[in-house]
Amino acid sequence: MNNIMEIGGHRAVVQFDPDIGLFRGEFLGLNGGADFYADSVSGLRLEGETSLKVFLEMCVEKGVSPVKHFSGKFQVRLPEKLHARVVEMAAARGVSLNAFVQEALTQAAS
C-alpha cells in the first residue's frame, strides 16, 4: 500500500518494506533521489526532513533546480481494443482523445 506524506512542502510516497522492517519514503518530483528510512512514522518524518535538507543544499551547491520540470506530454500504450473504445467514447462526447484522457486523469487525481 502506498501513502503520501508531505515534508517541507514536498510530497513523498511512503511504503513499508517487510524485508528490512522499515518504512521507506521517496520524494516525488525532485531532480534526484532523496529517499529515507525509519521504523516509525515520526522517525520517517524526521529522516525525511534531514534527507530533504541535504538534497536541497546539494542542489544549491551545484546550481541546479531541485524540482523536476514536466513538459505536459507523455505517451501511453493501450491494448488495441481499449484504444478503439476510448476513441469512440471521446467522439461520442464531442471531444478530442487528448481532452477525454485529460478529463479522466483529472478526475482520477482529485
N, C-alpha and C. Protein backbone atom coordinates (compact mmCIF):
# COMPACT_ATOMS: atom_id res chain seq x y z
N MET A 1 0.84 -1.18 0.00
CA MET A 1 0.00 0.00 0.00
C MET A 1 0.89 1.24 0.00
N ASN A 2 0.60 2.17 -0.88
CA ASN A 2 1.36 3.41 -0.96
C ASN A 2 0.60 4.53 -0.28
N ASN A 3 1.33 5.38 0.37
CA ASN A 3 0.77 6.55 1.03
C ASN A 3 1.64 7.75 0.70
N ILE A 4 1.04 8.92 0.79
CA ILE A 4 1.75 10.15 0.52
C ILE A 4 1.94 10.93 1.82
N MET A 5 3.14 11.42 2.03
CA MET A 5 3.46 12.24 3.20
C MET A 5 4.05 13.55 2.68
N GLU A 6 3.63 14.67 3.26
CA GLU A 6 4.21 15.95 2.87
C GLU A 6 5.22 16.37 3.91
N ILE A 7 6.41 16.72 3.42
CA ILE A 7 7.51 17.14 4.29
C ILE A 7 8.15 18.37 3.65
N GLY A 8 8.17 19.46 4.37
CA GLY A 8 8.81 20.67 3.86
C GLY A 8 8.23 21.16 2.55
N GLY A 9 6.94 20.95 2.36
CA GLY A 9 6.29 21.40 1.13
C GLY A 9 6.49 20.48 -0.05
N HIS A 10 7.14 19.34 0.17
CA HIS A 10 7.37 18.36 -0.90
C HIS A 10 6.67 17.06 -0.53
N ARG A 11 6.13 16.39 -1.54
CA ARG A 11 5.41 15.15 -1.30
C ARG A 11 6.33 13.95 -1.49
N ALA A 12 6.12 12.95 -0.64
CA ALA A 12 6.90 11.72 -0.71
C ALA A 12 5.95 10.53 -0.63
N VAL A 13 6.24 9.51 -1.41
CA VAL A 13 5.47 8.27 -1.32
C VAL A 13 6.13 7.41 -0.24
N VAL A 14 5.31 6.80 0.59
CA VAL A 14 5.79 6.01 1.73
C VAL A 14 5.30 4.58 1.60
N GLN A 15 6.21 3.64 1.80
CA GLN A 15 5.88 2.22 1.77
C GLN A 15 6.54 1.54 2.95
N PHE A 16 5.98 0.42 3.37
CA PHE A 16 6.63 -0.38 4.40
C PHE A 16 7.35 -1.52 3.70
N ASP A 17 8.62 -1.69 4.01
CA ASP A 17 9.43 -2.76 3.42
C ASP A 17 9.55 -3.88 4.45
N PRO A 18 8.78 -4.96 4.29
CA PRO A 18 8.81 -6.03 5.29
C PRO A 18 10.14 -6.78 5.34
N ASP A 19 10.93 -6.72 4.26
CA ASP A 19 12.21 -7.42 4.25
C ASP A 19 13.21 -6.80 5.22
N ILE A 20 13.14 -5.49 5.38
CA ILE A 20 14.07 -4.83 6.30
C ILE A 20 13.36 -4.29 7.54
N GLY A 21 12.03 -4.40 7.56
CA GLY A 21 11.26 -3.97 8.72
C GLY A 21 11.24 -2.47 8.94
N LEU A 22 11.34 -1.70 7.86
CA LEU A 22 11.36 -0.24 7.96
C LEU A 22 10.39 0.39 6.97
N PHE A 23 9.96 1.59 7.31
CA PHE A 23 9.23 2.41 6.35
C PHE A 23 10.25 3.05 5.43
N ARG A 24 9.89 3.21 4.16
CA ARG A 24 10.76 3.87 3.19
C ARG A 24 9.98 5.01 2.56
N GLY A 25 10.58 6.18 2.54
CA GLY A 25 9.97 7.33 1.88
C GLY A 25 10.83 7.75 0.71
N GLU A 26 10.18 8.19 -0.35
CA GLU A 26 10.90 8.69 -1.52
C GLU A 26 10.17 9.93 -2.03
N PHE A 27 10.89 11.05 -2.10
CA PHE A 27 10.29 12.29 -2.57
C PHE A 27 9.95 12.20 -4.05
N LEU A 28 8.83 12.81 -4.40
CA LEU A 28 8.35 12.83 -5.77
C LEU A 28 8.65 14.18 -6.40
N GLY A 29 8.92 14.18 -7.69
CA GLY A 29 9.07 15.43 -8.43
C GLY A 29 10.37 16.16 -8.19
N LEU A 30 11.36 15.50 -7.62
CA LEU A 30 12.65 16.14 -7.44
C LEU A 30 13.60 15.69 -8.55
N ASN A 31 14.64 16.48 -8.77
CA ASN A 31 15.63 16.20 -9.82
C ASN A 31 16.69 15.19 -9.39
N GLY A 32 16.40 14.37 -8.46
CA GLY A 32 17.35 13.38 -7.99
C GLY A 32 16.74 12.57 -6.87
N GLY A 33 17.48 11.61 -6.41
CA GLY A 33 16.99 10.74 -5.36
C GLY A 33 17.15 11.35 -3.98
N ALA A 34 16.12 11.30 -3.22
CA ALA A 34 16.16 11.75 -1.83
C ALA A 34 15.24 10.83 -1.05
N ASP A 35 15.72 9.62 -0.80
CA ASP A 35 14.90 8.67 -0.06
C ASP A 35 15.35 8.60 1.39
N PHE A 36 14.52 8.00 2.22
CA PHE A 36 14.78 7.98 3.65
C PHE A 36 14.06 6.79 4.29
N TYR A 37 14.60 6.32 5.42
CA TYR A 37 14.09 5.12 6.09
C TYR A 37 13.94 5.37 7.58
N ALA A 38 12.96 4.71 8.19
CA ALA A 38 12.80 4.77 9.64
C ALA A 38 11.85 3.66 10.08
N ASP A 39 11.83 3.39 11.39
CA ASP A 39 10.97 2.33 11.91
C ASP A 39 9.64 2.83 12.47
N SER A 40 9.41 4.14 12.35
CA SER A 40 8.15 4.70 12.82
C SER A 40 7.77 5.89 11.94
N VAL A 41 6.53 6.28 12.02
CA VAL A 41 6.07 7.41 11.22
C VAL A 41 6.77 8.70 11.67
N SER A 42 6.90 8.89 12.98
CA SER A 42 7.58 10.10 13.46
C SER A 42 9.06 10.09 13.06
N GLY A 43 9.68 8.93 13.12
CA GLY A 43 11.07 8.80 12.69
C GLY A 43 11.21 9.04 11.20
N LEU A 44 10.23 8.57 10.44
CA LEU A 44 10.25 8.76 8.99
C LEU A 44 10.17 10.25 8.65
N ARG A 45 9.32 10.96 9.36
CA ARG A 45 9.19 12.41 9.12
C ARG A 45 10.52 13.11 9.42
N LEU A 46 11.15 12.76 10.53
CA LEU A 46 12.43 13.36 10.91
C LEU A 46 13.51 13.04 9.87
N GLU A 47 13.61 11.79 9.47
CA GLU A 47 14.59 11.39 8.47
C GLU A 47 14.30 12.05 7.12
N GLY A 48 13.02 12.21 6.79
CA GLY A 48 12.64 12.88 5.55
C GLY A 48 13.07 14.33 5.56
N GLU A 49 12.89 15.01 6.68
CA GLU A 49 13.32 16.41 6.80
C GLU A 49 14.82 16.53 6.60
N THR A 50 15.56 15.61 7.19
CA THR A 50 17.03 15.62 7.06
C THR A 50 17.44 15.34 5.62
N SER A 51 16.84 14.32 5.02
CA SER A 51 17.17 13.96 3.64
C SER A 51 16.86 15.11 2.69
N LEU A 52 15.71 15.74 2.87
CA LEU A 52 15.32 16.85 2.00
C LEU A 52 16.29 18.02 2.18
N LYS A 53 16.65 18.33 3.41
CA LYS A 53 17.58 19.44 3.67
C LYS A 53 18.91 19.21 2.97
N VAL A 54 19.46 18.01 3.09
CA VAL A 54 20.73 17.67 2.45
C VAL A 54 20.60 17.77 0.93
N PHE A 55 19.51 17.25 0.38
CA PHE A 55 19.29 17.29 -1.06
C PHE A 55 19.22 18.73 -1.56
N LEU A 56 18.45 19.57 -0.87
CA LEU A 56 18.30 20.97 -1.29
C LEU A 56 19.62 21.72 -1.18
N GLU A 57 20.40 21.44 -0.15
CA GLU A 57 21.72 22.08 -0.01
C GLU A 57 22.64 21.68 -1.16
N MET A 58 22.61 20.41 -1.55
CA MET A 58 23.43 19.94 -2.66
C MET A 58 23.02 20.61 -3.97
N CYS A 59 21.72 20.82 -4.16
CA CYS A 59 21.25 21.49 -5.36
C CYS A 59 21.76 22.92 -5.43
N VAL A 60 21.75 23.61 -4.29
CA VAL A 60 22.27 24.98 -4.24
C VAL A 60 23.76 24.98 -4.58
N GLU A 61 24.51 24.07 -3.97
CA GLU A 61 25.95 23.97 -4.22
C GLU A 61 26.26 23.72 -5.70
N LYS A 62 25.46 22.87 -6.34
CA LYS A 62 25.69 22.52 -7.74
C LYS A 62 25.01 23.48 -8.71
N GLY A 63 24.18 24.36 -8.19
CA GLY A 63 23.50 25.33 -9.04
C GLY A 63 22.43 24.72 -9.93
N VAL A 64 21.76 23.69 -9.42
CA VAL A 64 20.70 23.04 -10.20
C VAL A 64 19.35 23.21 -9.50
N SER A 65 18.31 23.19 -10.30
CA SER A 65 16.96 23.28 -9.75
C SER A 65 16.63 21.97 -9.05
N PRO A 66 16.11 22.03 -7.83
CA PRO A 66 15.78 20.78 -7.14
C PRO A 66 14.51 20.11 -7.67
N VAL A 67 13.68 20.88 -8.35
CA VAL A 67 12.38 20.37 -8.80
C VAL A 67 12.44 19.94 -10.26
N LYS A 68 11.92 18.77 -10.51
CA LYS A 68 11.83 18.25 -11.87
C LYS A 68 10.73 19.01 -12.61
N HIS A 69 11.00 19.39 -13.84
CA HIS A 69 10.00 20.10 -14.64
C HIS A 69 9.40 19.12 -15.65
N PHE A 70 8.09 19.20 -15.83
CA PHE A 70 7.38 18.30 -16.72
C PHE A 70 6.91 19.05 -17.95
N SER A 71 7.00 18.41 -19.10
CA SER A 71 6.63 19.04 -20.37
C SER A 71 5.12 19.08 -20.58
N GLY A 72 4.39 18.22 -19.89
CA GLY A 72 2.95 18.13 -20.12
C GLY A 72 2.62 17.11 -21.20
N LYS A 73 3.63 16.40 -21.67
CA LYS A 73 3.42 15.38 -22.70
C LYS A 73 3.93 14.03 -22.18
N PHE A 74 3.17 12.99 -22.48
CA PHE A 74 3.64 11.64 -22.20
C PHE A 74 2.92 10.68 -23.14
N GLN A 75 3.52 9.55 -23.37
CA GLN A 75 2.96 8.56 -24.28
C GLN A 75 2.37 7.41 -23.47
N VAL A 76 1.19 6.98 -23.86
CA VAL A 76 0.53 5.88 -23.18
C VAL A 76 0.31 4.75 -24.18
N ARG A 77 0.64 3.54 -23.79
CA ARG A 77 0.40 2.38 -24.65
C ARG A 77 -0.82 1.64 -24.11
N LEU A 78 -1.76 1.37 -24.99
CA LEU A 78 -3.00 0.70 -24.63
C LEU A 78 -3.22 -0.52 -25.52
N PRO A 79 -3.95 -1.49 -25.04
CA PRO A 79 -4.37 -2.58 -25.93
C PRO A 79 -5.25 -1.98 -27.05
N GLU A 80 -5.18 -2.55 -28.24
CA GLU A 80 -5.91 -2.01 -29.39
C GLU A 80 -7.39 -1.82 -29.12
N LYS A 81 -8.03 -2.79 -28.51
CA LYS A 81 -9.48 -2.69 -28.26
C LYS A 81 -9.81 -1.54 -27.32
N LEU A 82 -8.99 -1.35 -26.29
CA LEU A 82 -9.23 -0.24 -25.37
C LEU A 82 -9.01 1.09 -26.08
N HIS A 83 -7.97 1.17 -26.89
CA HIS A 83 -7.70 2.39 -27.65
C HIS A 83 -8.89 2.74 -28.53
N ALA A 84 -9.42 1.75 -29.25
CA ALA A 84 -10.57 1.99 -30.12
C ALA A 84 -11.79 2.43 -29.32
N ARG A 85 -12.01 1.81 -28.16
CA ARG A 85 -13.17 2.16 -27.33
C ARG A 85 -13.05 3.58 -26.77
N VAL A 86 -11.87 3.96 -26.36
CA VAL A 86 -11.67 5.29 -25.81
C VAL A 86 -11.85 6.35 -26.90
N VAL A 87 -11.39 6.07 -28.10
CA VAL A 87 -11.61 7.00 -29.22
C VAL A 87 -13.10 7.16 -29.47
N GLU A 88 -13.84 6.06 -29.44
CA GLU A 88 -15.30 6.12 -29.62
C GLU A 88 -15.96 6.95 -28.52
N MET A 89 -15.54 6.74 -27.28
CA MET A 89 -16.13 7.47 -26.16
C MET A 89 -15.85 8.97 -26.27
N ALA A 90 -14.64 9.33 -26.69
CA ALA A 90 -14.29 10.74 -26.87
C ALA A 90 -15.15 11.35 -27.97
N ALA A 91 -15.28 10.63 -29.07
CA ALA A 91 -16.09 11.13 -30.20
C ALA A 91 -17.55 11.30 -29.79
N ALA A 92 -18.06 10.37 -29.01
CA ALA A 92 -19.45 10.45 -28.57
C ALA A 92 -19.68 11.68 -27.69
N ARG A 93 -18.65 12.11 -26.98
CA ARG A 93 -18.75 13.31 -26.14
C ARG A 93 -18.40 14.58 -26.91
N GLY A 94 -17.94 14.41 -28.15
CA GLY A 94 -17.59 15.57 -28.97
C GLY A 94 -16.29 16.24 -28.55
N VAL A 95 -15.36 15.44 -27.99
CA VAL A 95 -14.06 15.98 -27.59
C VAL A 95 -12.95 15.16 -28.21
N SER A 96 -11.76 15.74 -28.21
CA SER A 96 -10.60 15.01 -28.72
C SER A 96 -10.20 13.90 -27.75
N LEU A 97 -9.42 12.97 -28.24
CA LEU A 97 -8.89 11.91 -27.39
C LEU A 97 -8.06 12.53 -26.26
N ASN A 98 -7.27 13.53 -26.60
CA ASN A 98 -6.44 14.21 -25.60
C ASN A 98 -7.32 14.82 -24.50
N ALA A 99 -8.37 15.52 -24.88
CA ALA A 99 -9.26 16.15 -23.90
C ALA A 99 -9.96 15.10 -23.04
N PHE A 100 -10.35 14.00 -23.66
CA PHE A 100 -11.01 12.91 -22.93
C PHE A 100 -10.07 12.32 -21.87
N VAL A 101 -8.84 12.04 -22.26
CA VAL A 101 -7.86 11.45 -21.34
C VAL A 101 -7.52 12.46 -20.24
N GLN A 102 -7.37 13.73 -20.60
CA GLN A 102 -7.07 14.75 -19.60
C GLN A 102 -8.19 14.82 -18.56
N GLU A 103 -9.43 14.77 -19.01
CA GLU A 103 -10.56 14.81 -18.07
C GLU A 103 -10.55 13.59 -17.15
N ALA A 104 -10.31 12.41 -17.73
CA ALA A 104 -10.28 11.17 -16.94
C ALA A 104 -9.16 11.24 -15.89
N LEU A 105 -7.99 11.73 -16.28
CA LEU A 105 -6.87 11.81 -15.34
C LEU A 105 -7.13 12.87 -14.26
N THR A 106 -7.78 13.96 -14.63
CA THR A 106 -8.11 15.00 -13.67
C THR A 106 -9.07 14.44 -12.61
N GLN A 107 -10.04 13.67 -13.05
CA GLN A 107 -10.99 13.07 -12.10
C GLN A 107 -10.30 12.05 -11.21
N ALA A 108 -9.42 11.24 -11.80
CA ALA A 108 -8.71 10.23 -11.02
C ALA A 108 -7.76 10.85 -10.00
N ALA A 109 -7.20 12.01 -10.32
CA ALA A 109 -6.23 12.65 -9.44
C ALA A 109 -6.90 13.51 -8.36
N SER A 110 -8.20 13.67 -8.43
CA SER A 110 -8.91 14.51 -7.44
C SER A 110 -9.11 13.79 -6.14
